[in-house]
C-alpha cells in the first residue's frame, strides 16, 4: 500500500477534485487494473501549489504510469506521496 497525491491538471471542471479521484480510481478498478482504494481512504488538503488529494491505494508497481491517460481524462495527475 502506498499513498498517492492527486492534483488537478489542465482546465478546471465543475466536479470536485475528490470526486474526480474517486471516479478515476473506480474506473481503474472496473477495468481490472488491479488497484484498490483502501479503507483509510482519501484526505483533501492544499499547499502552495493548490488543492490536492492524498489517497491510500494498493496496486501493482507502476500502476499510475499505466493509468496516465485515464487520469488525464479526468483532469488529474498522480505521484507517490512522500513526507
N, C-alpha and C. Protein backbone atom coordinates (compact mmCIF):
# COMPACT_ATOMS: atom_id res chain seq x y z
N UNK A 1 0.84 -1.17 0.00
CA UNK A 1 0.00 0.00 0.00
C UNK A 1 0.89 1.23 0.00
N UNK A 2 0.52 2.17 -0.81
CA UNK A 2 1.25 3.43 -0.90
C UNK A 2 0.24 4.55 -0.96
N UNK A 3 0.61 5.68 -0.41
CA UNK A 3 -0.24 6.86 -0.54
C UNK A 3 0.20 7.62 -1.79
N UNK A 4 -0.77 8.14 -2.51
CA UNK A 4 -0.51 8.90 -3.73
C UNK A 4 -1.15 10.27 -3.62
N UNK A 5 -0.51 11.24 -4.25
CA UNK A 5 -1.03 12.60 -4.30
C UNK A 5 -1.64 12.81 -5.68
N UNK A 6 -2.87 13.29 -5.69
CA UNK A 6 -3.56 13.62 -6.93
C UNK A 6 -3.76 15.13 -6.96
N UNK A 7 -3.45 15.73 -8.10
CA UNK A 7 -3.63 17.16 -8.31
C UNK A 7 -4.37 17.37 -9.62
N UNK A 8 -4.99 18.54 -9.73
CA UNK A 8 -5.65 18.91 -10.98
C UNK A 8 -4.61 19.25 -12.03
N UNK A 9 -4.93 18.93 -13.26
CA UNK A 9 -4.12 19.37 -14.39
C UNK A 9 -5.08 19.78 -15.50
N UNK A 10 -4.65 20.66 -16.33
CA UNK A 10 -5.50 21.09 -17.43
C UNK A 10 -6.55 22.08 -16.99
N UNK A 11 -7.62 22.15 -17.75
CA UNK A 11 -8.65 23.15 -17.47
C UNK A 11 -9.50 22.75 -16.26
N UNK A 12 -10.03 23.72 -15.54
CA UNK A 12 -10.88 23.43 -14.38
C UNK A 12 -12.18 22.74 -14.82
N UNK A 13 -12.74 21.95 -13.92
CA UNK A 13 -14.02 21.29 -14.19
C UNK A 13 -14.99 21.64 -13.07
N UNK A 14 -16.26 21.29 -13.28
CA UNK A 14 -17.27 21.54 -12.26
C UNK A 14 -17.15 20.55 -11.11
N UNK A 15 -16.64 19.36 -11.38
CA UNK A 15 -16.55 18.32 -10.35
C UNK A 15 -15.43 18.63 -9.37
N UNK A 16 -15.65 18.27 -8.12
CA UNK A 16 -14.61 18.49 -7.11
C UNK A 16 -13.44 17.56 -7.37
N UNK A 17 -12.30 17.94 -6.87
CA UNK A 17 -11.09 17.13 -7.02
C UNK A 17 -11.29 15.75 -6.40
N UNK A 18 -11.90 15.70 -5.22
CA UNK A 18 -12.14 14.42 -4.54
C UNK A 18 -13.02 13.52 -5.41
N UNK A 19 -14.09 14.06 -5.97
CA UNK A 19 -14.98 13.25 -6.80
C UNK A 19 -14.28 12.75 -8.06
N UNK A 20 -13.43 13.57 -8.65
CA UNK A 20 -12.69 13.12 -9.84
C UNK A 20 -11.74 11.99 -9.49
N UNK A 21 -11.08 12.06 -8.32
CA UNK A 21 -10.18 10.98 -7.90
C UNK A 21 -10.97 9.70 -7.68
N UNK A 22 -12.08 9.78 -6.96
CA UNK A 22 -12.90 8.60 -6.70
C UNK A 22 -13.39 7.99 -8.01
N UNK A 23 -13.87 8.82 -8.92
CA UNK A 23 -14.37 8.33 -10.21
C UNK A 23 -13.26 7.65 -11.00
N UNK A 24 -12.10 8.26 -11.07
CA UNK A 24 -10.98 7.68 -11.83
C UNK A 24 -10.54 6.35 -11.22
N UNK A 25 -10.40 6.29 -9.90
CA UNK A 25 -9.98 5.04 -9.26
C UNK A 25 -11.03 3.95 -9.44
N UNK A 26 -12.30 4.32 -9.39
CA UNK A 26 -13.37 3.34 -9.62
C UNK A 26 -13.30 2.80 -11.05
N UNK A 27 -13.09 3.67 -12.02
CA UNK A 27 -12.96 3.21 -13.41
C UNK A 27 -11.77 2.27 -13.56
N UNK A 28 -10.67 2.58 -12.90
CA UNK A 28 -9.50 1.70 -12.97
C UNK A 28 -9.80 0.34 -12.36
N UNK A 29 -10.54 0.32 -11.25
CA UNK A 29 -10.92 -0.95 -10.63
C UNK A 29 -11.80 -1.76 -11.58
N UNK A 30 -12.78 -1.11 -12.20
CA UNK A 30 -13.69 -1.79 -13.12
C UNK A 30 -12.92 -2.35 -14.32
N UNK A 31 -11.92 -1.61 -14.80
CA UNK A 31 -11.12 -2.06 -15.95
C UNK A 31 -10.16 -3.19 -15.60
N UNK A 32 -10.08 -3.55 -14.32
CA UNK A 32 -9.21 -4.65 -13.92
C UNK A 32 -7.75 -4.27 -13.79
N UNK A 33 -7.48 -3.03 -13.43
CA UNK A 33 -6.10 -2.56 -13.30
C UNK A 33 -5.40 -3.11 -12.06
N UNK A 34 -6.16 -3.79 -11.20
CA UNK A 34 -5.56 -4.37 -10.00
C UNK A 34 -5.33 -3.38 -8.88
N UNK A 35 -6.00 -2.24 -8.93
CA UNK A 35 -5.83 -1.24 -7.87
C UNK A 35 -7.05 -1.25 -6.96
N UNK A 36 -6.84 -0.76 -5.76
CA UNK A 36 -7.94 -0.68 -4.80
C UNK A 36 -7.72 0.52 -3.89
N UNK A 37 -8.75 1.33 -3.72
CA UNK A 37 -8.73 2.42 -2.76
C UNK A 37 -8.94 1.79 -1.39
N UNK A 38 -8.01 1.99 -0.48
CA UNK A 38 -8.06 1.31 0.81
C UNK A 38 -8.97 2.02 1.80
N UNK A 39 -9.36 1.29 2.83
CA UNK A 39 -10.35 1.77 3.79
C UNK A 39 -9.93 3.07 4.47
N UNK A 40 -8.63 3.30 4.62
CA UNK A 40 -8.21 4.56 5.25
C UNK A 40 -8.62 5.74 4.40
N UNK A 41 -8.84 5.49 3.12
CA UNK A 41 -9.50 6.44 2.27
C UNK A 41 -8.72 7.60 1.73
N UNK A 42 -9.42 8.72 1.68
CA UNK A 42 -8.96 9.91 0.97
C UNK A 42 -8.92 11.10 1.92
N UNK A 43 -7.87 11.90 1.76
CA UNK A 43 -7.75 13.14 2.54
C UNK A 43 -7.54 14.29 1.57
N UNK A 44 -8.34 15.33 1.73
CA UNK A 44 -8.19 16.52 0.89
C UNK A 44 -7.39 17.56 1.66
N UNK A 45 -6.55 18.28 0.96
CA UNK A 45 -5.71 19.31 1.58
C UNK A 45 -5.33 20.33 0.52
N UNK A 46 -4.51 21.27 0.91
CA UNK A 46 -3.95 22.22 -0.06
C UNK A 46 -2.57 22.63 0.41
N UNK A 47 -1.77 23.10 -0.53
CA UNK A 47 -0.44 23.60 -0.21
C UNK A 47 -0.18 24.79 -1.12
N UNK A 48 1.06 25.19 -1.24
CA UNK A 48 1.41 26.34 -2.06
C UNK A 48 1.08 26.18 -3.54
N UNK A 49 0.86 24.94 -3.98
CA UNK A 49 0.54 24.67 -5.38
C UNK A 49 -0.96 24.52 -5.63
N UNK A 50 -1.78 24.58 -4.58
CA UNK A 50 -3.22 24.46 -4.73
C UNK A 50 -3.77 23.21 -4.06
N UNK A 51 -4.98 22.83 -4.47
CA UNK A 51 -5.65 21.68 -3.87
C UNK A 51 -4.98 20.37 -4.24
N UNK A 52 -5.11 19.42 -3.32
CA UNK A 52 -4.57 18.08 -3.56
C UNK A 52 -5.39 17.07 -2.80
N UNK A 53 -5.30 15.84 -3.23
CA UNK A 53 -5.95 14.73 -2.56
C UNK A 53 -4.88 13.68 -2.31
N UNK A 54 -4.83 13.18 -1.07
CA UNK A 54 -3.93 12.08 -0.73
C UNK A 54 -4.80 10.85 -0.54
N UNK A 55 -4.51 9.80 -1.30
CA UNK A 55 -5.32 8.58 -1.25
C UNK A 55 -4.42 7.38 -1.04
N UNK A 56 -4.87 6.47 -0.16
CA UNK A 56 -4.17 5.21 0.07
C UNK A 56 -4.66 4.21 -0.96
N UNK A 57 -3.75 3.77 -1.81
CA UNK A 57 -4.11 2.90 -2.93
C UNK A 57 -3.16 1.71 -2.95
N UNK A 58 -3.72 0.51 -3.11
CA UNK A 58 -2.87 -0.65 -3.34
C UNK A 58 -2.99 -1.03 -4.81
N UNK A 59 -1.91 -1.52 -5.35
CA UNK A 59 -1.92 -1.92 -6.75
C UNK A 59 -0.56 -2.39 -7.19
N UNK A 60 -0.48 -2.89 -8.40
CA UNK A 60 0.81 -3.36 -8.90
C UNK A 60 1.78 -2.20 -9.07
N UNK A 61 3.07 -2.45 -8.96
CA UNK A 61 4.06 -1.38 -9.12
C UNK A 61 3.87 -0.64 -10.44
N UNK A 62 3.93 0.67 -10.37
CA UNK A 62 3.83 1.48 -11.57
C UNK A 62 2.43 1.65 -12.14
N UNK A 63 1.39 1.27 -11.38
CA UNK A 63 0.03 1.36 -11.92
C UNK A 63 -0.30 2.77 -12.39
N UNK A 64 0.19 3.79 -11.66
CA UNK A 64 -0.17 5.17 -12.00
C UNK A 64 0.41 5.58 -13.35
N UNK A 65 1.55 5.02 -13.73
CA UNK A 65 2.14 5.31 -15.03
C UNK A 65 1.25 4.76 -16.14
N UNK A 66 0.73 3.55 -15.94
CA UNK A 66 -0.13 2.92 -16.94
C UNK A 66 -1.51 3.58 -16.99
N UNK A 67 -1.87 4.30 -15.93
CA UNK A 67 -3.19 4.94 -15.85
C UNK A 67 -3.16 6.40 -16.26
N UNK A 68 -2.02 6.88 -16.76
CA UNK A 68 -1.88 8.31 -17.10
C UNK A 68 -2.99 8.83 -18.00
N UNK A 69 -3.34 8.09 -19.04
CA UNK A 69 -4.36 8.57 -19.99
C UNK A 69 -5.72 8.70 -19.31
N UNK A 70 -6.09 7.71 -18.51
CA UNK A 70 -7.37 7.78 -17.81
C UNK A 70 -7.36 8.92 -16.80
N UNK A 71 -6.28 9.07 -16.06
CA UNK A 71 -6.20 10.16 -15.09
C UNK A 71 -6.28 11.51 -15.79
N UNK A 72 -5.60 11.65 -16.92
CA UNK A 72 -5.63 12.91 -17.67
C UNK A 72 -7.04 13.21 -18.17
N UNK A 73 -7.77 12.18 -18.55
CA UNK A 73 -9.15 12.37 -18.99
C UNK A 73 -10.01 12.98 -17.89
N UNK A 74 -9.64 12.71 -16.65
CA UNK A 74 -10.36 13.27 -15.50
C UNK A 74 -9.69 14.54 -14.97
N UNK A 75 -8.70 15.03 -15.70
CA UNK A 75 -8.01 16.25 -15.29
C UNK A 75 -7.14 16.06 -14.07
N UNK A 76 -6.51 14.88 -13.96
CA UNK A 76 -5.70 14.55 -12.79
C UNK A 76 -4.27 14.20 -13.18
N UNK A 77 -3.37 14.46 -12.27
CA UNK A 77 -2.02 13.91 -12.34
C UNK A 77 -1.75 13.27 -10.98
N UNK A 78 -0.90 12.26 -10.97
CA UNK A 78 -0.70 11.45 -9.77
C UNK A 78 0.78 11.22 -9.55
N UNK A 79 1.19 11.23 -8.28
CA UNK A 79 2.56 10.90 -7.93
C UNK A 79 2.56 10.28 -6.53
N UNK A 80 3.57 9.46 -6.22
CA UNK A 80 3.65 8.90 -4.87
C UNK A 80 3.77 10.02 -3.84
N UNK A 81 3.14 9.81 -2.70
CA UNK A 81 3.17 10.78 -1.61
C UNK A 81 4.43 10.55 -0.79
N UNK A 82 5.21 11.57 -0.61
CA UNK A 82 6.40 11.49 0.24
C UNK A 82 6.32 12.60 1.27
N UNK A 83 6.74 12.27 2.46
CA UNK A 83 6.69 13.24 3.56
C UNK A 83 7.95 14.07 3.57
